[in-house]
């Protein structure tokens, strides 16, 4: 359990920071840069710096922590810093942080001087099992998540399990939601293994399996023309709930908390539309309800949520498109859902 080989890049697990050192030594880069935020700068950067000091010139670029940094203004700030620090086409950007850093850094690198090399060192469970793998980069505009971005693969991903010890429990559970999704869409045995595990402290073996699943899907469909859409399960409704929470809540939902709501709602849609059994719907609802706190959604917000869904980048011909389960471990992509169906699924969650 050392390395997963993606289509064009390796994903390192054991001694991953040592592997990062080896990568930099072999890369013949003119210089390198580390993009981070203030939390990662405190908790994770010291380990990385202790290993890379002496490898050559590098500079730090720090942004504020949180989804608010994943916008065009912060991206322009990263580009300007790269210019000020003298980055050229033979430079390397190391994205050290969670999903905001890997999404933002990947996008900034993939567009700077028409593209410079970048690697990911994901420091949250969510970024380790989701954002860092698969080559999606992106920023938000007007609170629409990932509406501008590229498909650009990193040169490598370095997953350091010990970084998870720095995370609060809520952030661990945010990543667990994506792990549960991986089981629901492709692997019932993995779903059952997760259910039987301590999900407040998931093992490196479980994390490895999630990365395997995401990697397998993204290799088969790197630009989301087909099976990669399976990874969108829970995200049509979940992203809308997350976006609305980011705008309106003093303590907004984490990504995983919002996607958990989305998976409950979209499992209900699957029960109505694609043959998911009542027993599977009950099981899925119970697992997510036990792990994640209840969130109050008012019917008065339905119009707002639907308006956000209408701007979702996954839509086709102005119709809202969902990935839905047919049973636990199997899914069906490209299901058009009407406004009334989406409202009914939100009512299912409200009335639990």
Foldseek 3Di string as FASTA:
>chain_A
DAWDDFPQAIEGEPPLLVVVQVCLLPLPFPEEEEEEEPLCVPQPVVVSCVRCPPVDDYYYDYDHDDLVCQAPVVLVVVLVVCVVVPPDQRYEYEQEEALSSQQSVLFSQCPRVNHHAYEYEYLFLQRLLPRRPQQWHAGDDPLQHRPDTDRGHHNYYGYYLVSHVSDDLLRLLLNVLLLCLLQQAANVVLNVVCLVDDSSRDDPVSSVVSNVSLSVQCSVPRPPPPSNLSSCQLPLLLSLQQSVQVVPPPDGHRSSLSSLLSNLLLQVVCVVPQAEDPVQSVVSVVSSPVSHPQDDDDPVCLVSSVVSSQSHPPDDPSFRWHWHANYGRHIDGGDTDDSVSSSVSNVVSNVD
